[in-house]
């Protein structure tokens, strides 16, 4: 009997320990989510950007902060690209993508999210992130008609681009390394966590899968088949949810951060932006 009592105590201690661990891990995931999702590079207010392309530095107010952005200009623009970058870095490095669009005849505006680069404040909610993106769309609408606006999202920025496209009428949307939702990615990275628990914990669900059916303009998706951050299957599954004209361009050797190195990407972008 003594052995049975000890076993009960040991089992009880194990379950209690597991419960405490789960609660602590859940609390960390919920309250420190921004640190898990975003990896900003902050720049001093007097930082001077240096690029070969012609550009103008922009700043506009949002609720409680200021968004910093760069507007690169083509010689005779056919339209404008509003580019939402990935979850790390700043315009100091992201500005290098401008050449991909200006040499194809398009202006490009790249905003930094709150806390990234010279943008002030901190991202505190999904709603805030999406509202800030809407202010960037308002800016480009002042300079180009909507039928000349192209939304481009990369990685985490793909969901932002899709959310804007469902409530506006841009010419097209281009998504590089897209995902169904951050909730879906969380389930991939934490396979032992129950989905209902993740639904409660993930404060940035970014439900591209629910938004993309409302997009009426053409959608082009680029995805590397060797992407080890957002698996290629995410792009495949997302493309099946699109109701408007769309195309998934697979890059067989492409990873998460190098699609521009491959001819499949460059040739397709030439055709799309012709």
C-alpha atoms as a PDB file:
ATOM      1  CA  UNK A   1       0.000   0.000   0.000  1.00  0.00           C
ATOM      2  CA  UNK A   2       2.865   2.346   0.800  1.00  0.00           C
ATOM      3  CA  UNK A   3       4.199   1.839  -2.718  1.00  0.00           C
ATOM      4  CA  UNK A   4       0.784   2.703  -4.218  1.00  0.00           C
ATOM      5  CA  UNK A   5       0.585   5.908  -2.140  1.00  0.00           C
ATOM      6  CA  UNK A   6       4.044   6.966  -3.264  1.00  0.00           C
ATOM      7  CA  UNK A   7       3.158   6.308  -6.878  1.00  0.00           C
ATOM      8  CA  UNK A   8       0.041   8.454  -6.520  1.00  0.00           C
ATOM      9  CA  UNK A   9       2.149  11.260  -5.043  1.00  0.00           C
ATOM     10  CA  UNK A  10       4.693  10.992  -7.845  1.00  0.00           C
ATOM     11  CA  UNK A  11       2.017  10.984 -10.556  1.00  0.00           C
ATOM     12  CA  UNK A  12       0.275  13.907  -8.870  1.00  0.00           C
ATOM     13  CA  UNK A  13       3.539  15.837  -8.705  1.00  0.00           C
ATOM     14  CA  UNK A  14       4.221  15.145 -12.396  1.00  0.00           C
ATOM     15  CA  UNK A  15       0.781  16.375 -13.467  1.00  0.00           C
ATOM     16  CA  UNK A  16       1.088  19.445 -11.248  1.00  0.00           C
ATOM     17  CA  UNK A  17       4.503  20.213 -12.722  1.00  0.00           C
ATOM     18  CA  UNK A  18       3.143  19.828 -16.241  1.00  0.00           C
ATOM     19  CA  UNK A  19       0.200  22.087 -15.439  1.00  0.00           C
ATOM     20  CA  UNK A  20       2.492  24.772 -14.023  1.00  0.00           C
ATOM     21  CA  UNK A  21       4.791  24.515 -17.043  1.00  0.00           C
ATOM     22  CA  UNK A  22       1.863  24.809 -19.479  1.00  0.00           C
ATOM     23  CA  UNK A  23       0.495  27.841 -17.630  1.00  0.00           C
ATOM     24  CA  UNK A  24       3.899  29.552 -17.583  1.00  0.00           C
ATOM     25  CA  UNK A  25       4.538  28.782 -21.257  1.00  0.00           C
ATOM     26  CA  UNK A  26       1.050  29.952 -22.201  1.00  0.00           C
ATOM     27  CA  UNK A  27       1.494  33.176 -20.256  1.00  0.00           C
ATOM     28  CA  UNK A  28       4.820  33.845 -21.925  1.00  0.00           C
ATOM     29  CA  UNK A  29       3.361  33.166 -25.387  1.00  0.00           C
ATOM     30  CA  UNK A  30       0.381  35.434 -24.760  1.00  0.00           C
ATOM     31  CA  UNK A  31       2.085  38.407 -23.142  1.00  0.00           C
ATOM     32  CA  UNK A  32       5.409  38.275 -25.014  1.00  0.00           C
ATOM     33  CA  UNK A  33       3.917  37.543 -28.421  1.00  0.00           C
ATOM     34  CA  UNK A  34       5.336  40.637 -30.097  1.00  0.00           C
ATOM     35  CA  UNK A  35       8.848  39.511 -29.163  1.00  0.00           C
ATOM     36  CA  UNK A  36       8.170  36.105 -30.706  1.00  0.00           C
ATOM     37  CA  UNK A  37       6.721  37.451 -33.973  1.00  0.00           C
ATOM     38  CA  UNK A  38       8.627  40.661 -34.671  1.00  0.00           C
ATOM     39  CA  UNK A  39      12.369  41.309 -34.743  1.00  0.00           C
ATOM     40  CA  UNK A  40      12.700  45.023 -35.549  1.00  0.00           C
ATOM     41  CA  UNK A  41      15.903  46.913 -36.187  1.00  0.00           C
ATOM     42  CA  UNK A  42      15.506  50.345 -34.598  1.00  0.00           C
ATOM     43  CA  UNK A  43      17.284  53.281 -36.235  1.00  0.00           C
ATOM     44  CA  UNK A  44      18.105  56.656 -34.662  1.00  0.00           C
ATOM     45  CA  UNK A  45      15.881  59.568 -35.732  1.00  0.00           C
ATOM     46  CA  UNK A  46      18.758  61.244 -37.558  1.00  0.00           C
ATOM     47  CA  UNK A  47      19.743  58.148 -39.543  1.00  0.00           C
ATOM     48  CA  UNK A  48      20.409  58.933 -43.213  1.00  0.00           C
ATOM     49  CA  UNK A  49      19.291  56.348 -45.766  1.00  0.00           C
ATOM     50  CA  UNK A  50      21.665  55.775 -48.677  1.00  0.00           C
ATOM     51  CA  UNK A  51      20.405  54.155 -51.877  1.00  0.00           C
ATOM     52  CA  UNK A  52      21.339  54.541 -55.524  1.00  0.00           C
ATOM     53  CA  UNK A  53      17.704  54.898 -56.540  1.00  0.00           C
ATOM     54  CA  UNK A  54      15.900  58.244 -56.303  1.00  0.00           C
ATOM     55  CA  UNK A  55      13.785  58.320 -53.166  1.00  0.00           C
ATOM     56  CA  UNK A  56      11.899  60.552 -50.783  1.00  0.00           C
ATOM     57  CA  UNK A  57      11.638  59.898 -47.064  1.00  0.00           C
ATOM     58  CA  UNK A  58       8.105  60.126 -45.691  1.00  0.00           C
ATOM     59  CA  UNK A  59       6.576  60.415 -42.242  1.00  0.00           C
ATOM     60  CA  UNK A  60       2.912  60.423 -41.344  1.00  0.00           C
ATOM     61  CA  UNK A  61       1.071  60.289 -38.025  1.00  0.00           C
ATOM     62  CA  UNK A  62      -0.893  57.300 -36.775  1.00  0.00           C
ATOM     63  CA  UNK A  63      -2.629  56.869 -33.450  1.00  0.00           C
ATOM     64  CA  UNK A  64       0.077  57.454 -30.850  1.00  0.00           C
ATOM     65  CA  UNK A  65       3.045  57.085 -33.197  1.00  0.00           C
ATOM     66  CA  UNK A  66       4.612  58.071 -36.521  1.00  0.00           C
ATOM     67  CA  UNK A  67       5.200  55.824 -39.536  1.00  0.00           C
ATOM     68  CA  UNK A  68       8.407  56.260 -41.498  1.00  0.00           C
ATOM     69  CA  UNK A  69       8.454  55.195 -45.142  1.00  0.00           C
ATOM     70  CA  UNK A  70      10.469  55.522 -48.332  1.00  0.00           C
ATOM     71  CA  UNK A  71       9.050  56.430 -51.723  1.00  0.00           C
ATOM     72  CA  UNK A  72      11.303  55.350 -54.608  1.00  0.00           C
ATOM     73  CA  UNK A  73      10.449  56.903 -57.963  1.00  0.00           C
ATOM     74  CA  UNK A  74      10.689  55.492 -61.468  1.00  0.00           C
ATOM     75  CA  UNK A  75      11.450  57.778 -64.399  1.00  0.00           C
ATOM     76  CA  UNK A  76       8.047  57.281 -66.093  1.00  0.00           C
ATOM     77  CA  UNK A  77       5.955  55.258 -63.650  1.00  0.00           C
ATOM     78  CA  UNK A  78       3.242  52.918 -64.922  1.00  0.00           C
ATOM     79  CA  UNK A  79       1.914  52.644 -61.400  1.00  0.00           C
ATOM     80  CA  UNK A  80       2.978  52.233 -57.799  1.00  0.00           C
ATOM     81  CA  UNK A  81       3.788  49.257 -55.571  1.00  0.00           C
ATOM     82  CA  UNK A  82       2.921  49.399 -51.880  1.00  0.00           C
ATOM     83  CA  UNK A  83       5.323  46.904 -50.294  1.00  0.00           C
ATOM     84  CA  UNK A  84       4.819  45.333 -46.855  1.00  0.00           C
ATOM     85  CA  UNK A  85       8.040  43.668 -45.757  1.00  0.00           C
ATOM     86  CA  UNK A  86       8.808  40.739 -43.476  1.00  0.00           C
ATOM     87  CA  UNK A  87       8.939  40.536 -39.697  1.00  0.00           C
ATOM     88  CA  UNK A  88      12.569  41.591 -39.169  1.00  0.00           C
ATOM     89  CA  UNK A  89      15.011  44.363 -40.003  1.00  0.00           C
ATOM     90  CA  UNK A  90      14.207  47.875 -41.212  1.00  0.00           C
ATOM     91  CA  UNK A  91      14.117  49.983 -44.353  1.00  0.00           C
ATOM     92  CA  UNK A  92      17.892  50.244 -44.075  1.00  0.00           C
ATOM     93  CA  UNK A  93      18.028  46.837 -45.769  1.00  0.00           C
ATOM     94  CA  UNK A  94      14.501  46.422 -47.145  1.00  0.00           C
ATOM     95  CA  UNK A  95      15.019  49.481 -49.322  1.00  0.00           C
ATOM     96  CA  UNK A  96      17.249  47.353 -51.544  1.00  0.00           C
ATOM     97  CA  UNK A  97      14.173  45.689 -53.082  1.00  0.00           C
ATOM     98  CA  UNK A  98      13.162  48.989 -54.687  1.00  0.00           C
ATOM     99  CA  UNK A  99      15.292  48.322 -57.776  1.00  0.00           C
ATOM    100  CA  UNK A 100      13.203  45.259 -58.617  1.00  0.00           C
ATOM    101  CA  UNK A 101      10.261  47.575 -59.255  1.00  0.00           C
ATOM    102  CA  UNK A 102      11.687  50.919 -60.388  1.00  0.00           C
ATOM    103  CA  UNK A 103      13.613  49.274 -63.209  1.00  0.00           C
ATOM    104  CA  UNK A 104      10.348  47.663 -64.304  1.00  0.00           C
ATOM    105  CA  UNK A 105       8.723  51.088 -64.431  1.00  0.00           C
ATOM    106  CA  UNK A 106       6.975  51.359 -61.058  1.00  0.00           C
ATOM    107  CA  UNK A 107       7.237  53.678 -58.093  1.00  0.00           C
ATOM    108  CA  UNK A 108       7.408  51.833 -54.796  1.00  0.00           C
ATOM    109  CA  UNK A 109       6.497  52.873 -51.256  1.00  0.00           C
ATOM    110  CA  UNK A 110       7.880  50.853 -48.345  1.00  0.00           C
ATOM    111  CA  UNK A 111       6.609  51.653 -44.850  1.00  0.00           C
ATOM    112  CA  UNK A 112       8.314  50.419 -41.700  1.00  0.00           C
ATOM    113  CA  UNK A 113       6.005  48.999 -39.038  1.00  0.00           C
ATOM    114  CA  UNK A 114       5.870  50.616 -35.592  1.00  0.00           C
ATOM    115  CA  UNK A 115       9.146  50.132 -33.760  1.00  0.00           C
ATOM    116  CA  UNK A 116      10.979  49.237 -36.997  1.00  0.00           C
ATOM    117  CA  UNK A 117      13.620  51.584 -38.343  1.00  0.00           C
ATOM    118  CA  UNK A 118      12.625  55.194 -37.705  1.00  0.00           C
ATOM    119  CA  UNK A 119       8.944  54.465 -37.125  1.00  0.00           C
ATOM    120  CA  UNK A 120       8.024  55.248 -33.547  1.00  0.00           C
ATOM    121  CA  UNK A 121       5.846  53.402 -31.055  1.00  0.00           C
ATOM    122  CA  UNK A 122       5.328  49.660 -30.654  1.00  0.00           C
ATOM    123  CA  UNK A 123       3.009  47.156 -32.267  1.00  0.00           C
ATOM    124  CA  UNK A 124       0.483  46.121 -29.630  1.00  0.00           C
ATOM    125  CA  UNK A 125      -2.270  44.371 -31.568  1.00  0.00           C
ATOM    126  CA  UNK A 126      -3.259  42.952 -34.926  1.00  0.00           C
ATOM    127  CA  UNK A 127      -5.865  45.689 -35.276  1.00  0.00           C
ATOM    128  CA  UNK A 128      -3.199  48.360 -34.822  1.00  0.00           C
ATOM    129  CA  UNK A 129      -0.933  46.748 -37.421  1.00  0.00           C
ATOM    130  CA  UNK A 130      -3.724  46.600 -39.996  1.00  0.00           C
ATOM    131  CA  UNK A 131      -4.933  50.140 -39.290  1.00  0.00           C
ATOM    132  CA  UNK A 132      -1.408  51.484 -39.772  1.00  0.00           C
ATOM    133  CA  UNK A 133      -1.228  49.672 -43.122  1.00  0.00           C
ATOM    134  CA  UNK A 134      -4.430  51.377 -44.195  1.00  0.00           C
ATOM    135  CA  UNK A 135      -2.782  54.775 -43.695  1.00  0.00           C
ATOM    136  CA  UNK A 136      -0.052  53.720 -46.132  1.00  0.00           C
ATOM    137  CA  UNK A 137      -2.713  52.822 -48.695  1.00  0.00           C
ATOM    138  CA  UNK A 138      -4.311  56.223 -48.159  1.00  0.00           C
ATOM    139  CA  UNK A 139      -0.971  57.831 -49.009  1.00  0.00           C
ATOM    140  CA  UNK A 140      -0.505  55.996 -52.321  1.00  0.00           C
ATOM    141  CA  UNK A 141      -4.124  56.711 -53.288  1.00  0.00           C
ATOM    142  CA  UNK A 142      -3.264  60.408 -53.165  1.00  0.00           C
ATOM    143  CA  UNK A 143      -0.611  59.958 -55.838  1.00  0.00           C
ATOM    144  CA  UNK A 144      -2.027  57.181 -58.076  1.00  0.00           C
ATOM    145  CA  UNK A 145      -5.530  55.914 -58.931  1.00  0.00           C
ATOM    146  CA  UNK A 146      -6.415  52.526 -57.472  1.00  0.00           C
ATOM    147  CA  UNK A 147      -6.212  50.786 -60.846  1.00  0.00           C
ATOM    148  CA  UNK A 148      -2.484  51.622 -60.833  1.00  0.00           C
ATOM    149  CA  UNK A 149      -1.810  50.440 -57.269  1.00  0.00           C
ATOM    150  CA  UNK A 150      -0.164  47.058 -56.703  1.00  0.00           C
ATOM    151  CA  UNK A 151      -0.072  45.564 -53.222  1.00  0.00           C
ATOM    152  CA  UNK A 152       2.998  43.455 -52.514  1.00  0.00           C
ATOM    153  CA  UNK A 153       3.396  41.458 -49.319  1.00  0.00           C
ATOM    154  CA  UNK A 154       6.383  39.425 -48.250  1.00  0.00           C
ATOM    155  CA  UNK A 155       6.204  36.771 -45.543  1.00  0.00           C
ATOM    156  CA  UNK A 156       4.280  38.313 -42.623  1.00  0.00           C
ATOM    157  CA  UNK A 157       3.433  41.231 -44.909  1.00  0.00           C
ATOM    158  CA  UNK A 158       1.371  38.962 -47.190  1.00  0.00           C
ATOM    159  CA  UNK A 159      -1.511  38.880 -44.741  1.00  0.00           C
ATOM    160  CA  UNK A 160      -1.444  42.674 -44.446  1.00  0.00           C
ATOM    161  CA  UNK A 161      -1.587  43.053 -48.233  1.00  0.00           C
ATOM    162  CA  UNK A 162      -4.529  40.647 -48.505  1.00  0.00           C
ATOM    163  CA  UNK A 163      -6.456  42.409 -45.743  1.00  0.00           C
ATOM    164  CA  UNK A 164      -6.078  45.719 -47.574  1.00  0.00           C
ATOM    165  CA  UNK A 165      -7.072  44.197 -50.904  1.00  0.00           C
ATOM    166  CA  UNK A 166     -10.345  42.816 -49.555  1.00  0.00           C
ATOM    167  CA  UNK A 167     -11.576  46.285 -48.574  1.00  0.00           C
ATOM    168  CA  UNK A 168     -10.088  48.254 -51.484  1.00  0.00           C
ATOM    169  CA  UNK A 169      -9.761  47.868 -55.241  1.00  0.00           C
ATOM    170  CA  UNK A 170      -6.070  47.722 -56.178  1.00  0.00           C
ATOM    171  CA  UNK A 171      -4.942  46.551 -59.605  1.00  0.00           C
ATOM    172  CA  UNK A 172      -3.459  43.326 -58.220  1.00  0.00           C
ATOM    173  CA  UNK A 173      -1.871  41.651 -55.220  1.00  0.00           C
ATOM    174  CA  UNK A 174       1.511  39.908 -55.241  1.00  0.00           C
ATOM    175  CA  UNK A 175       2.357  37.612 -52.342  1.00  0.00           C
ATOM    176  CA  UNK A 176       5.854  36.296 -51.674  1.00  0.00           C
ATOM    177  CA  UNK A 177       6.078  33.348 -49.256  1.00  0.00           C
ATOM    178  CA  UNK A 178       2.462  33.607 -48.026  1.00  0.00           C
ATOM    179  CA  UNK A 179       0.783  31.658 -45.241  1.00  0.00           C
ATOM    180  CA  UNK A 180      -2.757  30.623 -44.358  1.00  0.00           C
ATOM    181  CA  UNK A 181      -2.613  32.286 -40.930  1.00  0.00           C
ATOM    182  CA  UNK A 182      -0.235  32.748 -38.031  1.00  0.00           C
ATOM    183  CA  UNK A 183      -2.591  30.488 -36.116  1.00  0.00           C
ATOM    184  CA  UNK A 184      -1.921  27.747 -38.665  1.00  0.00           C
ATOM    185  CA  UNK A 185       1.840  28.335 -38.467  1.00  0.00           C
ATOM    186  CA  UNK A 186       1.683  28.218 -34.668  1.00  0.00           C
ATOM    187  CA  UNK A 187       0.015  24.807 -34.925  1.00  0.00           C
ATOM    188  CA  UNK A 188       2.885  23.663 -37.171  1.00  0.00           C
ATOM    189  CA  UNK A 189       5.566  24.898 -34.791  1.00  0.00           C
ATOM    190  CA  UNK A 190       3.769  23.666 -31.654  1.00  0.00           C
ATOM    191  CA  UNK A 191       2.148  20.403 -32.803  1.00  0.00           C
ATOM    192  CA  UNK A 192       1.463  19.182 -29.262  1.00  0.00           C
ATOM    193  CA  UNK A 193      -0.531  22.269 -28.317  1.00  0.00           C
ATOM    194  CA  UNK A 194      -4.305  21.801 -28.698  1.00  0.00           C
ATOM    195  CA  UNK A 195      -5.749  23.988 -31.457  1.00  0.00           C
ATOM    196  CA  UNK A 196      -8.417  25.480 -29.136  1.00  0.00           C
ATOM    197  CA  UNK A 197      -5.662  26.547 -26.741  1.00  0.00           C
ATOM    198  CA  UNK A 198      -3.667  28.157 -29.556  1.00  0.00           C
ATOM    199  CA  UNK A 199      -6.799  29.988 -30.705  1.00  0.00           C
ATOM    200  CA  UNK A 200      -6.993  31.590 -27.280  1.00  0.00           C
ATOM    201  CA  UNK A 201      -3.286  32.395 -27.058  1.00  0.00           C
ATOM    202  CA  UNK A 202      -2.486  33.714 -30.535  1.00  0.00           C
ATOM    203  CA  UNK A 203      -3.295  37.440 -30.469  1.00  0.00           C
ATOM    204  CA  UNK A 204      -2.108  37.896 -34.060  1.00  0.00           C
ATOM    205  CA  UNK A 205      -4.058  35.205 -35.943  1.00  0.00           C
ATOM    206  CA  UNK A 206      -3.628  37.090 -39.276  1.00  0.00           C
ATOM    207  CA  UNK A 207      -6.316  35.035 -41.013  1.00  0.00           C
ATOM    208  CA  UNK A 208      -5.287  35.315 -44.644  1.00  0.00           C
ATOM    209  CA  UNK A 209      -7.287  32.153 -45.255  1.00  0.00           C
ATOM    210  CA  UNK A 210     -10.511  33.919 -44.220  1.00  0.00           C
ATOM    211  CA  UNK A 211      -9.796  37.204 -45.996  1.00  0.00           C
ATOM    212  CA  UNK A 212      -8.507  36.142 -49.391  1.00  0.00           C
ATOM    213  CA  UNK A 213     -11.845  34.942 -50.772  1.00  0.00           C
ATOM    214  CA  UNK A 214     -13.057  38.563 -50.642  1.00  0.00           C
ATOM    215  CA  UNK A 215     -10.267  39.795 -52.925  1.00  0.00           C
ATOM    216  CA  UNK A 216     -11.608  40.528 -56.418  1.00  0.00           C
ATOM    217  CA  UNK A 217      -8.400  41.598 -58.183  1.00  0.00           C
ATOM    218  CA  UNK A 218      -5.793  39.194 -59.628  1.00  0.00           C
ATOM    219  CA  UNK A 219      -3.527  37.520 -57.063  1.00  0.00           C
ATOM    220  CA  UNK A 220      -0.054  36.169 -57.803  1.00  0.00           C
ATOM    221  CA  UNK A 221       1.730  33.969 -55.285  1.00  0.00           C
ATOM    222  CA  UNK A 222       5.461  33.224 -55.247  1.00  0.00           C
ATOM    223  CA  UNK A 223       6.707  30.416 -53.027  1.00  0.00           C
ATOM    224  CA  UNK A 224       9.965  28.511 -52.728  1.00  0.00           C
ATOM    225  CA  UNK A 225       9.565  24.752 -52.575  1.00  0.00           C
ATOM    226  CA  UNK A 226      12.474  24.627 -50.122  1.00  0.00           C
ATOM    227  CA  UNK A 227      11.111  27.288 -47.786  1.00  0.00           C
ATOM    228  CA  UNK A 228      11.891  26.065 -44.256  1.00  0.00           C
ATOM    229  CA  UNK A 229      10.137  28.980 -42.504  1.00  0.00           C
ATOM    230  CA  UNK A 230       6.748  28.989 -44.243  1.00  0.00           C
ATOM    231  CA  UNK A 231       6.354  25.630 -45.993  1.00  0.00           C
ATOM    232  CA  UNK A 232       5.424  25.585 -49.680  1.00  0.00           C
ATOM    233  CA  UNK A 233       2.226  23.758 -48.759  1.00  0.00           C
ATOM    234  CA  UNK A 234       0.955  26.964 -47.116  1.00  0.00           C
ATOM    235  CA  UNK A 235       1.036  28.761 -50.450  1.00  0.00           C
ATOM    236  CA  UNK A 236      -0.560  25.810 -52.233  1.00  0.00           C
ATOM    237  CA  UNK A 237      -3.444  25.621 -49.792  1.00  0.00           C
ATOM    238  CA  UNK A 238      -3.951  29.388 -49.810  1.00  0.00           C
ATOM    239  CA  UNK A 239      -4.124  29.535 -53.613  1.00  0.00           C
ATOM    240  CA  UNK A 240      -7.077  27.114 -53.568  1.00  0.00           C
ATOM    241  CA  UNK A 241      -9.086  29.606 -51.498  1.00  0.00           C
ATOM    242  CA  UNK A 242      -8.802  32.447 -54.022  1.00  0.00           C
ATOM    243  CA  UNK A 243     -11.894  33.177 -56.116  1.00  0.00           C
ATOM    244  CA  UNK A 244     -10.435  35.823 -58.424  1.00  0.00           C
ATOM    245  CA  UNK A 245      -7.883  35.265 -61.181  1.00  0.00           C
ATOM    246  CA  UNK A 246      -4.724  33.875 -59.601  1.00  0.00           C
ATOM    247  CA  UNK A 247      -1.511  31.990 -60.179  1.00  0.00           C
ATOM    248  CA  UNK A 248       0.918  30.200 -57.893  1.00  0.00           C
ATOM    249  CA  UNK A 249       4.496  30.481 -59.153  1.00  0.00           C
ATOM    250  CA  UNK A 250       6.619  27.753 -57.583  1.00  0.00           C
ATOM    251  CA  UNK A 251      10.382  28.229 -57.316  1.00  0.00           C
ATOM    252  CA  UNK A 252      11.748  24.667 -56.981  1.00  0.00           C
ATOM    253  CA  UNK A 253      15.113  25.582 -55.469  1.00  0.00           C
ATOM    254  CA  UNK A 254      13.879  28.663 -53.635  1.00  0.00           C
ATOM    255  CA  UNK A 255      13.968  29.119 -49.878  1.00  0.00           C
ATOM    256  CA  UNK A 256      12.382  31.805 -47.734  1.00  0.00           C
ATOM    257  CA  UNK A 257      14.696  34.755 -48.391  1.00  0.00           C
ATOM    258  CA  UNK A 258      16.215  34.157 -51.819  1.00  0.00           C
ATOM    259  CA  UNK A 259      13.454  33.986 -54.434  1.00  0.00           C
ATOM    260  CA  UNK A 260      14.889  37.009 -56.221  1.00  0.00           C
ATOM    261  CA  UNK A 261      17.989  34.968 -57.041  1.00  0.00           C
ATOM    262  CA  UNK A 262      16.030  32.667 -59.347  1.00  0.00           C
ATOM    263  CA  UNK A 263      15.028  33.137 -62.958  1.00  0.00           C
ATOM    264  CA  UNK A 264      11.531  31.743 -62.328  1.00  0.00           C
ATOM    265  CA  UNK A 265      10.824  34.664 -60.012  1.00  0.00           C
ATOM    266  CA  UNK A 266      12.398  37.334 -62.216  1.00  0.00           C
ATOM    267  CA  UNK A 267      10.751  36.164 -65.447  1.00  0.00           C
ATOM    268  CA  UNK A 268       7.335  35.896 -63.789  1.00  0.00           C
ATOM    269  CA  UNK A 269       7.679  39.355 -62.250  1.00  0.00           C
ATOM    270  CA  UNK A 270       8.596  40.746 -65.674  1.00  0.00           C
ATOM    271  CA  UNK A 271       5.427  39.242 -67.124  1.00  0.00           C
ATOM    272  CA  UNK A 272       3.170  40.338 -64.249  1.00  0.00           C
ATOM    273  CA  UNK A 273       4.436  43.927 -64.223  1.00  0.00           C
ATOM    274  CA  UNK A 274       4.578  44.334 -68.002  1.00  0.00           C
END
